[in-house]
Amino acid sequence: AMNRVQLLGRVGQDPIMRQVEGKNPVTIFSLATNEMWRTGDSDVTQGGEVWHPTLLFLCNLGDISQKTTWHRISVFRPGLRDVTYQYVKRGARLYVEGKIDYGEYTDKNNVRRQATTIIA
C-alpha cells in the first residue's frame, strides 16, 4: 500500500509553530492548489490533433473554469519543521510531498469534526 501526495501551490498564510504539552512541536500552514479546465469536452480535436485543456487556456479557446483547493500542511520532522517555519512565507510557490492523514477532533462547541491533513 502507498499513501503519497505531491502538491504544487501557493502558501496561504505564514507558517505557525504549535506545541501541545508532552508532544513534539509542529509547523502548520495552508497551501492553495489550482485546477483549470475548459468547459465542455475534456479534450478537443482540432485538425486531427488532441489538445490538452491546459493548452487551450494558453490558446484562449473556449471558456476556462478554475477551482482552488486549500490543503492543511503539517511538518513534524525537526530540521524541515524549523526551516519551514523560518523561511516559508505567504504567497510563496511551494512543492510539498507527504502523506494524507484523516483525523477527528472535537471543536469548542463540543461538535465532532473531521480534518484532512498532509503530513510533510
PDB file of N, CA and C in Angstrom:
ATOM      1  N   ALA A   1       0.845  -1.186   0.000  1.00  0.00           N
ATOM      2  CA  ALA A   1       0.000   0.000   0.000  1.00  0.00           C
ATOM      3  C   ALA A   1       0.884   1.240   0.000  1.00  0.00           C
ATOM      4  N   MET A   2       0.340   2.308  -0.560  1.00  0.00           N
ATOM      5  CA  MET A   2       1.101   3.555  -0.618  1.00  0.00           C
ATOM      6  C   MET A   2       0.184   4.719  -0.280  1.00  0.00           C
ATOM      7  N   ASN A   3       0.668   5.625   0.536  1.00  0.00           N
ATOM      8  CA  ASN A   3      -0.045   6.853   0.894  1.00  0.00           C
ATOM      9  C   ASN A   3       0.923   7.990   0.611  1.00  0.00           C
ATOM     10  N   ARG A   4       0.823   8.583  -0.585  1.00  0.00           N
ATOM     11  CA  ARG A   4       1.766   9.621  -1.007  1.00  0.00           C
ATOM     12  C   ARG A   4       1.028  10.724  -1.757  1.00  0.00           C
ATOM     13  N   VAL A   5       1.358  11.962  -1.425  1.00  0.00           N
ATOM     14  CA  VAL A   5       0.732  13.126  -2.040  1.00  0.00           C
ATOM     15  C   VAL A   5       1.825  14.066  -2.524  1.00  0.00           C
ATOM     16  N   GLN A   6       1.643  14.632  -3.713  1.00  0.00           N
ATOM     17  CA  GLN A   6       2.536  15.651  -4.245  1.00  0.00           C
ATOM     18  C   GLN A   6       1.688  16.866  -4.607  1.00  0.00           C
ATOM     19  N   LEU A   7       2.041  18.022  -4.067  1.00  0.00           N
ATOM     20  CA  LEU A   7       1.286  19.244  -4.316  1.00  0.00           C
ATOM     21  C   LEU A   7       2.232  20.354  -4.744  1.00  0.00           C
ATOM     22  N   LEU A   8       1.762  21.188  -5.665  1.00  0.00           N
ATOM     23  CA  LEU A   8       2.485  22.389  -6.066  1.00  0.00           C
ATOM     24  C   LEU A   8       1.478  23.523  -6.003  1.00  0.00           C
ATOM     25  N   GLY A   9       1.749  24.485  -5.146  1.00  0.00           N
ATOM     26  CA  GLY A   9       0.784  25.557  -4.977  1.00  0.00           C
ATOM     27  C   GLY A   9       1.398  26.766  -4.316  1.00  0.00           C
ATOM     28  N   ARG A  10       0.525  27.638  -3.816  1.00  0.00           N
ATOM     29  CA  ARG A  10       0.955  28.872  -3.145  1.00  0.00           C
ATOM     30  C   ARG A  10       0.566  28.812  -1.673  1.00  0.00           C
ATOM     31  N   VAL A  11       1.486  29.287  -0.844  1.00  0.00           N
ATOM     32  CA  VAL A  11       1.272  29.295   0.603  1.00  0.00           C
ATOM     33  C   VAL A  11       0.216  30.353   0.935  1.00  0.00           C
ATOM     34  N   GLY A  12      -0.776  29.975   1.728  1.00  0.00           N
ATOM     35  CA  GLY A  12      -1.884  30.871   2.043  1.00  0.00           C
ATOM     36  C   GLY A  12      -1.663  31.731   3.272  1.00  0.00           C
ATOM     37  N   GLN A  13      -0.798  31.307   4.165  1.00  0.00           N
ATOM     38  CA  GLN A  13      -0.530  32.067   5.393  1.00  0.00           C
ATOM     39  C   GLN A  13       0.888  31.757   5.841  1.00  0.00           C
ATOM     40  N   ASP A  14       1.498  32.688   6.561  1.00  0.00           N
ATOM     41  CA  ASP A  14       2.815  32.397   7.130  1.00  0.00           C
ATOM     42  C   ASP A  14       2.671  31.207   8.083  1.00  0.00           C
ATOM     43  N   PRO A  15       3.617  30.275   8.048  1.00  0.00           N
ATOM     44  CA  PRO A  15       3.534  29.115   8.944  1.00  0.00           C
ATOM     45  C   PRO A  15       3.534  29.518  10.414  1.00  0.00           C
ATOM     46  N   ILE A  16       2.847  28.719  11.214  1.00  0.00           N
ATOM     47  CA  ILE A  16       2.861  28.893  12.663  1.00  0.00           C
ATOM     48  C   ILE A  16       3.412  27.612  13.277  1.00  0.00           C
ATOM     49  N   MET A  17       4.049  27.736  14.434  1.00  0.00           N
ATOM     50  CA  MET A  17       4.553  26.558  15.128  1.00  0.00           C
ATOM     51  C   MET A  17       3.734  26.372  16.395  1.00  0.00           C
ATOM     52  N   ARG A  18       3.254  25.150  16.579  1.00  0.00           N
ATOM     53  CA  ARG A  18       2.461  24.816  17.759  1.00  0.00           C
ATOM     54  C   ARG A  18       3.113  23.669  18.497  1.00  0.00           C
ATOM     55  N   GLN A  19       2.899  23.689  19.820  1.00  0.00           N
ATOM     56  CA  GLN A  19       3.377  22.568  20.622  1.00  0.00           C
ATOM     57  C   GLN A  19       2.365  22.287  21.710  1.00  0.00           C
ATOM     58  N   VAL A  20       1.885  21.058  21.715  1.00  0.00           N
ATOM     59  CA  VAL A  20       0.992  20.597  22.765  1.00  0.00           C
ATOM     60  C   VAL A  20       1.872  19.928  23.813  1.00  0.00           C
ATOM     61  N   GLU A  21       1.550  20.167  25.068  1.00  0.00           N
ATOM     62  CA  GLU A  21       2.362  19.632  26.163  1.00  0.00           C
ATOM     63  C   GLU A  21       2.559  18.127  26.020  1.00  0.00           C
ATOM     64  N   GLY A  22       3.816  17.726  26.105  1.00  0.00           N
ATOM     65  CA  GLY A  22       4.141  16.309  26.017  1.00  0.00           C
ATOM     66  C   GLY A  22       4.296  15.796  24.593  1.00  0.00           C
ATOM     67  N   LYS A  23       4.124  16.657  23.596  1.00  0.00           N
ATOM     68  CA  LYS A  23       4.259  16.245  22.204  1.00  0.00           C
ATOM     69  C   LYS A  23       5.291  17.111  21.507  1.00  0.00           C
ATOM     70  N   ASN A  24       5.789  16.608  20.371  1.00  0.00           N
ATOM     71  CA  ASN A  24       6.761  17.359  19.585  1.00  0.00           C
ATOM     72  C   ASN A  24       6.084  18.557  18.921  1.00  0.00           C
ATOM     73  N   PRO A  25       6.824  19.660  18.708  1.00  0.00           N
ATOM     74  CA  PRO A  25       6.243  20.805  18.008  1.00  0.00           C
ATOM     75  C   PRO A  25       5.937  20.463  16.555  1.00  0.00           C
ATOM     76  N   VAL A  26       5.036  21.221  15.961  1.00  0.00           N
ATOM     77  CA  VAL A  26       4.643  21.033  14.563  1.00  0.00           C
ATOM     78  C   VAL A  26       4.504  22.405  13.910  1.00  0.00           C
ATOM     79  N   THR A  27       4.954  22.514  12.664  1.00  0.00           N
ATOM     80  CA  THR A  27       4.752  23.732  11.885  1.00  0.00           C
ATOM     81  C   THR A  27       3.569  23.485  10.953  1.00  0.00           C
ATOM     82  N   ILE A  28       2.645  24.436  10.934  1.00  0.00           N
ATOM     83  CA  ILE A  28       1.396  24.287  10.177  1.00  0.00           C
ATOM     84  C   ILE A  28       1.229  25.483   9.245  1.00  0.00           C
ATOM     85  N   PHE A  29       0.784  25.204   8.020  1.00  0.00           N
ATOM     86  CA  PHE A  29       0.429  26.267   7.086  1.00  0.00           C
ATOM     87  C   PHE A  29      -0.578  25.729   6.077  1.00  0.00           C
ATOM     88  N   SER A  30      -1.180  26.635   5.319  1.00  0.00           N
ATOM     89  CA  SER A  30      -2.125  26.218   4.287  1.00  0.00           C
ATOM     90  C   SER A  30      -1.486  26.409   2.918  1.00  0.00           C
ATOM     91  N   LEU A  31      -1.903  25.571   1.971  1.00  0.00           N
ATOM     92  CA  LEU A  31      -1.391  25.621   0.610  1.00  0.00           C
ATOM     93  C   LEU A  31      -2.574  25.564  -0.347  1.00  0.00           C
ATOM     94  N   ALA A  32      -2.608  26.480  -1.310  1.00  0.00           N
ATOM     95  CA  ALA A  32      -3.680  26.516  -2.311  1.00  0.00           C
ATOM     96  C   ALA A  32      -3.179  25.909  -3.610  1.00  0.00           C
ATOM     97  N   THR A  33      -3.947  24.967  -4.157  1.00  0.00           N
ATOM     98  CA  THR A  33      -3.655  24.432  -5.483  1.00  0.00           C
ATOM     99  C   THR A  33      -4.806  24.813  -6.399  1.00  0.00           C
ATOM    100  N   ASN A  34      -4.483  25.070  -7.663  1.00  0.00           N
ATOM    101  CA  ASN A  34      -5.491  25.459  -8.646  1.00  0.00           C
ATOM    102  C   ASN A  34      -5.610  24.409  -9.728  1.00  0.00           C
ATOM    103  N   GLU A  35      -6.840  24.179 -10.157  1.00  0.00           N
ATOM    104  CA  GLU A  35      -7.122  23.250 -11.242  1.00  0.00           C
ATOM    105  C   GLU A  35      -7.896  24.036 -12.294  1.00  0.00           C
ATOM    106  N   MET A  36      -7.434  23.997 -13.533  1.00  0.00           N
ATOM    107  CA  MET A  36      -8.113  24.716 -14.606  1.00  0.00           C
ATOM    108  C   MET A  36      -8.539  23.739 -15.689  1.00  0.00           C
ATOM    109  N   TRP A  37      -9.694  23.993 -16.292  1.00  0.00           N
ATOM    110  CA  TRP A  37     -10.181  23.162 -17.376  1.00  0.00           C
ATOM    111  C   TRP A  37     -11.082  23.984 -18.284  1.00  0.00           C
ATOM    112  N   ARG A  38     -11.237  23.488 -19.492  1.00  0.00           N
ATOM    113  CA  ARG A  38     -12.122  24.107 -20.469  1.00  0.00           C
ATOM    114  C   ARG A  38     -13.503  23.512 -20.267  1.00  0.00           C
ATOM    115  N   THR A  39     -14.501  24.362 -20.198  1.00  0.00           N
ATOM    116  CA  THR A  39     -15.862  23.857 -20.030  1.00  0.00           C
ATOM    117  C   THR A  39     -16.266  23.091 -21.278  1.00  0.00           C
ATOM    118  N   GLY A  40     -17.042  22.051 -21.086  1.00  0.00           N
ATOM    119  CA  GLY A  40     -17.440  21.194 -22.211  1.00  0.00           C
ATOM    120  C   GLY A  40     -16.615  19.936 -22.199  1.00  0.00           C
ATOM    121  N   ASP A  41     -16.123  19.549 -23.375  1.00  0.00           N
ATOM    122  CA  ASP A  41     -15.340  18.316 -23.507  1.00  0.00           C
ATOM    123  C   ASP A  41     -14.014  18.437 -22.783  1.00  0.00           C
ATOM    124  N   SER A  42     -13.498  17.300 -22.299  1.00  0.00           N
ATOM    125  CA  SER A  42     -12.208  17.319 -21.619  1.00  0.00           C
ATOM    126  C   SER A  42     -11.062  17.429 -22.618  1.00  0.00           C
ATOM    127  N   ASP A  43     -11.239  16.917 -23.823  1.00  0.00           N
ATOM    128  CA  ASP A  43     -10.247  17.046 -24.896  1.00  0.00           C
ATOM    129  C   ASP A  43     -10.962  17.573 -26.131  1.00  0.00           C
ATOM    130  N   VAL A  44     -10.275  18.362 -26.913  1.00  0.00           N
ATOM    131  CA  VAL A  44     -10.847  18.912 -28.138  1.00  0.00           C
ATOM    132  C   VAL A  44      -9.969  18.494 -29.299  1.00  0.00           C
ATOM    133  N   THR A  45     -10.582  18.011 -30.363  1.00  0.00           N
ATOM    134  CA  THR A  45      -9.825  17.645 -31.552  1.00  0.00           C
ATOM    135  C   THR A  45      -9.856  18.815 -32.513  1.00  0.00           C
ATOM    136  N   GLN A  46      -8.691  19.207 -32.983  1.00  0.00           N
ATOM    137  CA  GLN A  46      -8.586  20.308 -33.927  1.00  0.00           C
ATOM    138  C   GLN A  46      -7.532  19.928 -34.951  1.00  0.00           C
ATOM    139  N   GLY A  47      -7.947  19.768 -36.192  1.00  0.00           N
ATOM    140  CA  GLY A  47      -7.003  19.420 -37.252  1.00  0.00           C
ATOM    141  C   GLY A  47      -6.342  18.071 -37.024  1.00  0.00           C
ATOM    142  N   GLY A  48      -7.069  17.137 -36.411  1.00  0.00           N
ATOM    143  CA  GLY A  48      -6.543  15.801 -36.192  1.00  0.00           C
ATOM    144  C   GLY A  48      -5.651  15.680 -34.968  1.00  0.00           C
ATOM    145  N   GLU A  49      -5.403  16.793 -34.246  1.00  0.00           N
ATOM    146  CA  GLU A  49      -4.582  16.744 -33.042  1.00  0.00           C
ATOM    147  C   GLU A  49      -5.471  16.847 -31.810  1.00  0.00           C
ATOM    148  N   VAL A  50      -5.081  16.181 -30.756  1.00  0.00           N
ATOM    149  CA  VAL A  50      -5.815  16.284 -29.496  1.00  0.00           C
ATOM    150  C   VAL A  50      -5.136  17.341 -28.643  1.00  0.00           C
ATOM    151  N   TRP A  51      -5.903  18.341 -28.211  1.00  0.00           N
ATOM    152  CA  TRP A  51      -5.372  19.440 -27.404  1.00  0.00           C
ATOM    153  C   TRP A  51      -5.697  19.209 -25.950  1.00  0.00           C
ATOM    154  N   HIS A  52      -4.706  19.316 -25.106  1.00  0.00           N
ATOM    155  CA  HIS A  52      -4.898  19.194 -23.660  1.00  0.00           C
ATOM    156  C   HIS A  52      -5.603  20.454 -23.162  1.00  0.00           C
ATOM    157  N   PRO A  53      -6.512  20.340 -22.167  1.00  0.00           N
ATOM    158  CA  PRO A  53      -7.235  21.518 -21.663  1.00  0.00           C
ATOM    159  C   PRO A  53      -6.340  22.673 -21.237  1.00  0.00           C
ATOM    160  N   THR A  54      -5.168  22.392 -20.677  1.00  0.00           N
ATOM    161  CA  THR A  54      -4.274  23.471 -20.269  1.00  0.00           C
ATOM    162  C   THR A  54      -3.754  24.230 -21.480  1.00  0.00           C
ATOM    163  N   LEU A  55      -3.474  23.521 -22.575  1.00  0.00           N
ATOM    164  CA  LEU A  55      -3.017  24.184 -23.795  1.00  0.00           C
ATOM    165  C   LEU A  55      -4.106  25.084 -24.356  1.00  0.00           C
ATOM    166  N   LEU A  56      -5.360  24.679 -24.186  1.00  0.00           N
ATOM    167  CA  LEU A  56      -6.458  25.510 -24.665  1.00  0.00           C
ATOM    168  C   LEU A  56      -6.483  26.843 -23.944  1.00  0.00           C
ATOM    169  N   PHE A  57      -6.139  26.821 -22.663  1.00  0.00           N
ATOM    170  CA  PHE A  57      -6.086  28.063 -21.907  1.00  0.00           C
ATOM    171  C   PHE A  57      -5.049  29.002 -22.517  1.00  0.00           C
ATOM    172  N   LEU A  58      -3.918  28.454 -22.875  1.00  0.00           N
ATOM    173  CA  LEU A  58      -2.857  29.261 -23.465  1.00  0.00           C
ATOM    174  C   LEU A  58      -3.265  29.800 -24.836  1.00  0.00           C
ATOM    175  N   CYS A  59      -4.085  29.049 -25.556  1.00  0.00           N
ATOM    176  CA  CYS A  59      -4.518  29.466 -26.892  1.00  0.00           C
ATOM    177  C   CYS A  59      -5.756  30.341 -26.837  1.00  0.00           C
ATOM    178  N   ASN A  60      -6.344  30.530 -25.644  1.00  0.00           N
ATOM    179  CA  ASN A  60      -7.528  31.354 -25.457  1.00  0.00           C
ATOM    180  C   ASN A  60      -8.735  30.827 -26.225  1.00  0.00           C
ATOM    181  N   LEU A  61      -8.911  29.514 -26.258  1.00  0.00           N
ATOM    182  CA  LEU A  61     -10.061  28.901 -26.920  1.00  0.00           C
ATOM    183  C   LEU A  61     -11.063  28.449 -25.864  1.00  0.00           C
ATOM    184  N   GLY A  62     -12.327  28.821 -26.003  1.00  0.00           N
ATOM    185  CA  GLY A  62     -13.368  28.351 -25.111  1.00  0.00           C
ATOM    186  C   GLY A  62     -13.340  29.016 -23.757  1.00  0.00           C
ATOM    187  N   ASP A  63     -14.312  28.638 -22.932  1.00  0.00           N
ATOM    188  CA  ASP A  63     -14.417  29.172 -21.579  1.00  0.00           C
ATOM    189  C   ASP A  63     -13.586  28.316 -20.634  1.00  0.00           C
ATOM    190  N   ILE A  64     -12.855  28.976 -19.763  1.00  0.00           N
ATOM    191  CA  ILE A  64     -11.990  28.288 -18.814  1.00  0.00           C
ATOM    192  C   ILE A  64     -12.599  28.401 -17.420  1.00  0.00           C
ATOM    193  N   SER A  65     -12.641  27.280 -16.722  1.00  0.00           N
ATOM    194  CA  SER A  65     -13.093  27.268 -15.331  1.00  0.00           C
ATOM    195  C   SER A  65     -11.905  26.963 -14.441  1.00  0.00           C
ATOM    196  N   GLN A  66     -11.983  27.419 -13.208  1.00  0.00           N
ATOM    197  CA  GLN A  66     -10.889  27.207 -12.265  1.00  0.00           C
ATOM    198  C   GLN A  66     -11.455  26.858 -10.900  1.00  0.00           C
ATOM    199  N   LYS A  67     -10.776  25.951 -10.217  1.00  0.00           N
ATOM    200  CA  LYS A  67     -11.150  25.571  -8.858  1.00  0.00           C
ATOM    201  C   LYS A  67      -9.906  25.638  -7.983  1.00  0.00           C
ATOM    202  N   THR A  68     -10.019  26.304  -6.838  1.00  0.00           N
ATOM    203  CA  THR A  68      -8.928  26.366  -5.870  1.00  0.00           C
ATOM    204  C   THR A  68      -9.247  25.435  -4.712  1.00  0.00           C
ATOM    205  N   THR A  69      -8.287  24.598  -4.348  1.00  0.00           N
ATOM    206  CA  THR A  69      -8.441  23.696  -3.209  1.00  0.00           C
ATOM    207  C   THR A  69      -7.391  24.071  -2.165  1.00  0.00           C
ATOM    208  N   TRP A  70      -7.837  24.189  -0.913  1.00  0.00           N
ATOM    209  CA  TRP A  70      -6.929  24.526   0.190  1.00  0.00           C
ATOM    210  C   TRP A  70      -6.557  23.258   0.938  1.00  0.00           C
ATOM    211  N   HIS A  71      -5.267  23.134   1.248  1.00  0.00           N
ATOM    212  CA  HIS A  71      -4.733  21.975   1.951  1.00  0.00           C
ATOM    213  C   HIS A  71      -4.067  22.438   3.241  1.00  0.00           C
ATOM    214  N   ARG A  72      -4.271  21.681   4.300  1.00  0.00           N
ATOM    215  CA  ARG A  72      -3.604  21.952   5.583  1.00  0.00           C
ATOM    216  C   ARG A  72      -2.349  21.094   5.615  1.00  0.00           C
ATOM    217  N   ILE A  73      -1.198  21.743   5.788  1.00  0.00           N
ATOM    218  CA  ILE A  73       0.086  21.048   5.784  1.00  0.00           C
ATOM    219  C   ILE A  73       0.675  21.082   7.199  1.00  0.00           C
ATOM    220  N   SER A  74       1.123  19.918   7.688  1.00  0.00           N
ATOM    221  CA  SER A  74       1.777  19.817   8.999  1.00  0.00           C
ATOM    222  C   SER A  74       3.165  19.224   8.804  1.00  0.00           C
ATOM    223  N   VAL A  75       4.172  19.866   9.405  1.00  0.00           N
ATOM    224  CA  VAL A  75       5.560  19.416   9.281  1.00  0.00           C
ATOM    225  C   VAL A  75       6.070  19.084  10.683  1.00  0.00           C
ATOM    226  N   PHE A  76       6.396  17.807  10.918  1.00  0.00           N
ATOM    227  CA  PHE A  76       6.839  17.335  12.227  1.00  0.00           C
ATOM    228  C   PHE A  76       8.345  17.122  12.311  1.00  0.00           C
ATOM    229  N   ARG A  77       8.999  16.772  11.195  1.00  0.00           N
ATOM    230  CA  ARG A  77      10.436  16.453  11.217  1.00  0.00           C
ATOM    231  C   ARG A  77      11.235  17.674  11.670  1.00  0.00           C
ATOM    232  N   PRO A  78      12.089  17.530  12.712  1.00  0.00           N
ATOM    233  CA  PRO A  78      12.744  18.680  13.332  1.00  0.00           C
ATOM    234  C   PRO A  78      13.454  19.633  12.367  1.00  0.00           C
ATOM    235  N   GLY A  79      14.336  19.155  11.496  1.00  0.00           N
ATOM    236  CA  GLY A  79      15.049  20.056  10.593  1.00  0.00           C
ATOM    237  C   GLY A  79      14.112  20.751   9.619  1.00  0.00           C
ATOM    238  N   LEU A  80      13.260  19.985   8.979  1.00  0.00           N
ATOM    239  CA  LEU A  80      12.326  20.529   7.996  1.00  0.00           C
ATOM    240  C   LEU A  80      11.302  21.444   8.654  1.00  0.00           C
ATOM    241  N   ARG A  81      10.852  21.072   9.839  1.00  0.00           N
ATOM    242  CA  ARG A  81       9.877  21.881  10.587  1.00  0.00           C
ATOM    243  C   ARG A  81      10.423  23.285  10.862  1.00  0.00           C
ATOM    244  N   ASP A  82      11.680  23.365  11.302  1.00  0.00           N
ATOM    245  CA  ASP A  82      12.284  24.648  11.658  1.00  0.00           C
ATOM    246  C   ASP A  82      12.563  25.510  10.426  1.00  0.00           C
ATOM    247  N   VAL A  83      13.062  24.886   9.353  1.00  0.00           N
ATOM    248  CA  VAL A  83      13.330  25.620   8.112  1.00  0.00           C
ATOM    249  C   VAL A  83      12.019  26.144   7.525  1.00  0.00           C
ATOM    250  N   THR A  84      10.983  25.328   7.551  1.00  0.00           N
ATOM    251  CA  THR A  84       9.669  25.750   7.044  1.00  0.00           C
ATOM    252  C   THR A  84       9.166  26.948   7.826  1.00  0.00           C
ATOM    253  N   TYR A  85       9.246  26.883   9.135  1.00  0.00           N
ATOM    254  CA  TYR A  85       8.767  27.983   9.983  1.00  0.00           C
ATOM    255  C   TYR A  85       9.547  29.273   9.722  1.00  0.00           C
ATOM    256  N   GLN A  86      10.844  29.150   9.524  1.00  0.00           N
ATOM    257  CA  GLN A  86      11.691  30.329   9.375  1.00  0.00           C
ATOM    258  C   GLN A  86      11.627  30.958   7.984  1.00  0.00           C
ATOM    259  N   TYR A  87      11.557  30.146   6.921  1.00  0.00           N
ATOM    260  CA  TYR A  87      11.747  30.686   5.574  1.00  0.00           C
ATOM    261  C   TYR A  87      10.504  30.701   4.680  1.00  0.00           C
ATOM    262  N   VAL A  88       9.528  29.858   4.927  1.00  0.00           N
ATOM    263  CA  VAL A  88       8.334  29.832   4.067  1.00  0.00           C
ATOM    264  C   VAL A  88       7.437  31.008   4.430  1.00  0.00           C
ATOM    265  N   LYS A  89       6.979  31.734   3.408  1.00  0.00           N
ATOM    266  CA  LYS A  89       6.143  32.920   3.629  1.00  0.00           C
ATOM    267  C   LYS A  89       4.897  32.866   2.757  1.00  0.00           C
ATOM    268  N   ARG A  90       3.897  33.595   3.188  1.00  0.00           N
ATOM    269  CA  ARG A  90       2.631  33.687   2.449  1.00  0.00           C
ATOM    270  C   ARG A  90       2.898  34.119   1.006  1.00  0.00           C
ATOM    271  N   GLY A  91       2.246  33.431   0.065  1.00  0.00           N
ATOM    272  CA  GLY A  91       2.379  33.763  -1.343  1.00  0.00           C
ATOM    273  C   GLY A  91       3.478  33.015  -2.065  1.00  0.00           C
ATOM    274  N   ALA A  92       4.384  32.368  -1.318  1.00  0.00           N
ATOM    275  CA  ALA A  92       5.482  31.632  -1.946  1.00  0.00           C
ATOM    276  C   ALA A  92       4.946  30.419  -2.695  1.00  0.00           C
ATOM    277  N   ARG A  93       5.546  30.130  -3.840  1.00  0.00           N
ATOM    278  CA  ARG A  93       5.190  28.920  -4.571  1.00  0.00           C
ATOM    279  C   ARG A  93       6.001  27.785  -3.960  1.00  0.00           C
ATOM    280  N   LEU A  94       5.329  26.684  -3.645  1.00  0.00           N
ATOM    281  CA  LEU A  94       5.974  25.630  -2.876  1.00  0.00           C
ATOM    282  C   LEU A  94       5.541  24.250  -3.361  1.00  0.00           C
ATOM    283  N   TYR A  95       6.507  23.342  -3.410  1.00  0.00           N
ATOM    284  CA  TYR A  95       6.250  21.928  -3.694  1.00  0.00           C
ATOM    285  C   TYR A  95       6.248  21.188  -2.359  1.00  0.00           C
ATOM    286  N   VAL A  96       5.208  20.413  -2.121  1.00  0.00           N
ATOM    287  CA  VAL A  96       5.080  19.653  -0.872  1.00  0.00           C
ATOM    288  C   VAL A  96       4.856  18.191  -1.217  1.00  0.00           C
ATOM    289  N   GLU A  97       5.591  17.318  -0.542  1.00  0.00           N
ATOM    290  CA  GLU A  97       5.400  15.888  -0.693  1.00  0.00           C
ATOM    291  C   GLU A  97       5.175  15.305   0.699  1.00  0.00           C
ATOM    292  N   GLY A  98       4.189  14.445   0.816  1.00  0.00           N
ATOM    293  CA  GLY A  98       3.899  13.855   2.113  1.00  0.00           C
ATOM    294  C   GLY A  98       2.839  12.785   2.018  1.00  0.00           C
ATOM    295  N   LYS A  99       2.120  12.587   3.114  1.00  0.00           N
ATOM    296  CA  LYS A  99       1.054  11.583   3.152  1.00  0.00           C
ATOM    297  C   LYS A  99      -0.223  12.228   3.682  1.00  0.00           C
ATOM    298  N   ILE A 100      -1.360  11.646   3.331  1.00  0.00           N
ATOM    299  CA  ILE A 100      -2.653  12.142   3.796  1.00  0.00           C
ATOM    300  C   ILE A 100      -2.970  11.510   5.145  1.00  0.00           C
ATOM    301  N   ASP A 101      -3.446  12.342   6.062  1.00  0.00           N
ATOM    302  CA  ASP A 101      -3.879  11.860   7.371  1.00  0.00           C
ATOM    303  C   ASP A 101      -5.306  12.327   7.609  1.00  0.00           C
ATOM    304  N   TYR A 102      -6.191  11.387   7.874  1.00  0.00           N
ATOM    305  CA  TYR A 102      -7.584  11.705   8.185  1.00  0.00           C
ATOM    306  C   TYR A 102      -7.770  11.595   9.685  1.00  0.00           C
ATOM    307  N   GLY A 103      -8.215  12.667  10.302  1.00  0.00           N
ATOM    308  CA  GLY A 103      -8.373  12.656  11.748  1.00  0.00           C
ATOM    309  C   GLY A 103      -9.693  13.260  12.179  1.00  0.00           C
ATOM    310  N   GLU A 104      -9.975  13.116  13.448  1.00  0.00           N
ATOM    311  CA  GLU A 104     -11.177  13.698  14.044  1.00  0.00           C
ATOM    312  C   GLU A 104     -10.788  14.505  15.260  1.00  0.00           C
ATOM    313  N   TYR A 105     -11.570  15.540  15.535  1.00  0.00           N
ATOM    314  CA  TYR A 105     -11.362  16.335  16.739  1.00  0.00           C
ATOM    315  C   TYR A 105     -12.708  16.868  17.194  1.00  0.00           C
ATOM    316  N   THR A 106     -12.753  17.349  18.418  1.00  0.00           N
ATOM    317  CA  THR A 106     -13.967  17.960  18.963  1.00  0.00           C
ATOM    318  C   THR A 106     -13.717  19.454  19.077  1.00  0.00           C
ATOM    319  N   ASP A 107     -14.587  20.251  18.439  1.00  0.00           N
ATOM    320  CA  ASP A 107     -14.378  21.704  18.452  1.00  0.00           C
ATOM    321  C   ASP A 107     -14.845  22.305  19.776  1.00  0.00           C
ATOM    322  N   LYS A 108     -14.712  23.634  19.910  1.00  0.00           N
ATOM    323  CA  LYS A 108     -15.030  24.307  21.170  1.00  0.00           C
ATOM    324  C   LYS A 108     -16.511  24.221  21.531  1.00  0.00           C
ATOM    325  N   ASN A 109     -17.371  23.910  20.533  1.00  0.00           N
ATOM    326  CA  ASN A 109     -18.806  23.736  20.789  1.00  0.00           C
ATOM    327  C   ASN A 109     -19.168  22.280  21.030  1.00  0.00           C
ATOM    328  N   ASN A 110     -18.138  21.442  21.258  1.00  0.00           N
ATOM    329  CA  ASN A 110     -18.311  20.021  21.544  1.00  0.00           C
ATOM    330  C   ASN A 110     -18.916  19.254  20.360  1.00  0.00           C
ATOM    331  N   VAL A 111     -18.596  19.695  19.135  1.00  0.00           N
ATOM    332  CA  VAL A 111     -19.059  19.027  17.922  1.00  0.00           C
ATOM    333  C   VAL A 111     -17.883  18.261  17.324  1.00  0.00           C
ATOM    334  N   ARG A 112     -18.110  16.982  16.992  1.00  0.00           N
ATOM    335  CA  ARG A 112     -17.057  16.175  16.375  1.00  0.00           C
ATOM    336  C   ARG A 112     -16.878  16.610  14.923  1.00  0.00           C
ATOM    337  N   ARG A 113     -15.647  16.858  14.550  1.00  0.00           N
ATOM    338  CA  ARG A 113     -15.324  17.299  13.195  1.00  0.00           C
ATOM    339  C   ARG A 113     -14.251  16.391  12.596  1.00  0.00           C
ATOM    340  N   GLN A 114     -14.216  16.338  11.279  1.00  0.00           N
ATOM    341  CA  GLN A 114     -13.178  15.590  10.578  1.00  0.00           C
ATOM    342  C   GLN A 114     -12.201  16.575   9.968  1.00  0.00           C
ATOM    343  N   ALA A 115     -10.932  16.196   9.918  1.00  0.00           N
ATOM    344  CA  ALA A 115      -9.890  17.052   9.346  1.00  0.00           C
ATOM    345  C   ALA A 115      -8.981  16.195   8.476  1.00  0.00           C
ATOM    346  N   THR A 116      -8.650  16.729   7.317  1.00  0.00           N
ATOM    347  CA  THR A 116      -7.695  16.083   6.432  1.00  0.00           C
ATOM    348  C   THR A 116      -6.425  16.920   6.426  1.00  0.00           C
ATOM    349  N   THR A 117      -5.299  16.294   6.700  1.00  0.00           N
ATOM    350  CA  THR A 117      -4.022  16.992   6.795  1.00  0.00           C
ATOM    351  C   THR A 117      -2.999  16.277   5.933  1.00  0.00           C
ATOM    352  N   ILE A 118      -2.119  17.069   5.317  1.00  0.00           N
ATOM    353  CA  ILE A 118      -0.977  16.498   4.610  1.00  0.00           C
ATOM    354  C   ILE A 118       0.211  16.553   5.574  1.00  0.00           C
ATOM    355  N   ILE A 119       0.780  15.397   5.882  1.00  0.00           N
ATOM    356  CA  ILE A 119       1.942  15.304   6.760  1.00  0.00           C
ATOM    357  C   ILE A 119       3.183  15.321   5.871  1.00  0.00           C
ATOM    358  N   ALA A 120       3.923  16.441   5.908  1.00  0.00           N
ATOM    359  CA  ALA A 120       5.103  16.609   5.040  1.00  0.00           C
ATOM    360  C   ALA A 120       6.351  16.154   5.764  1.00  0.00           C
TER     361      ALA A 120
END
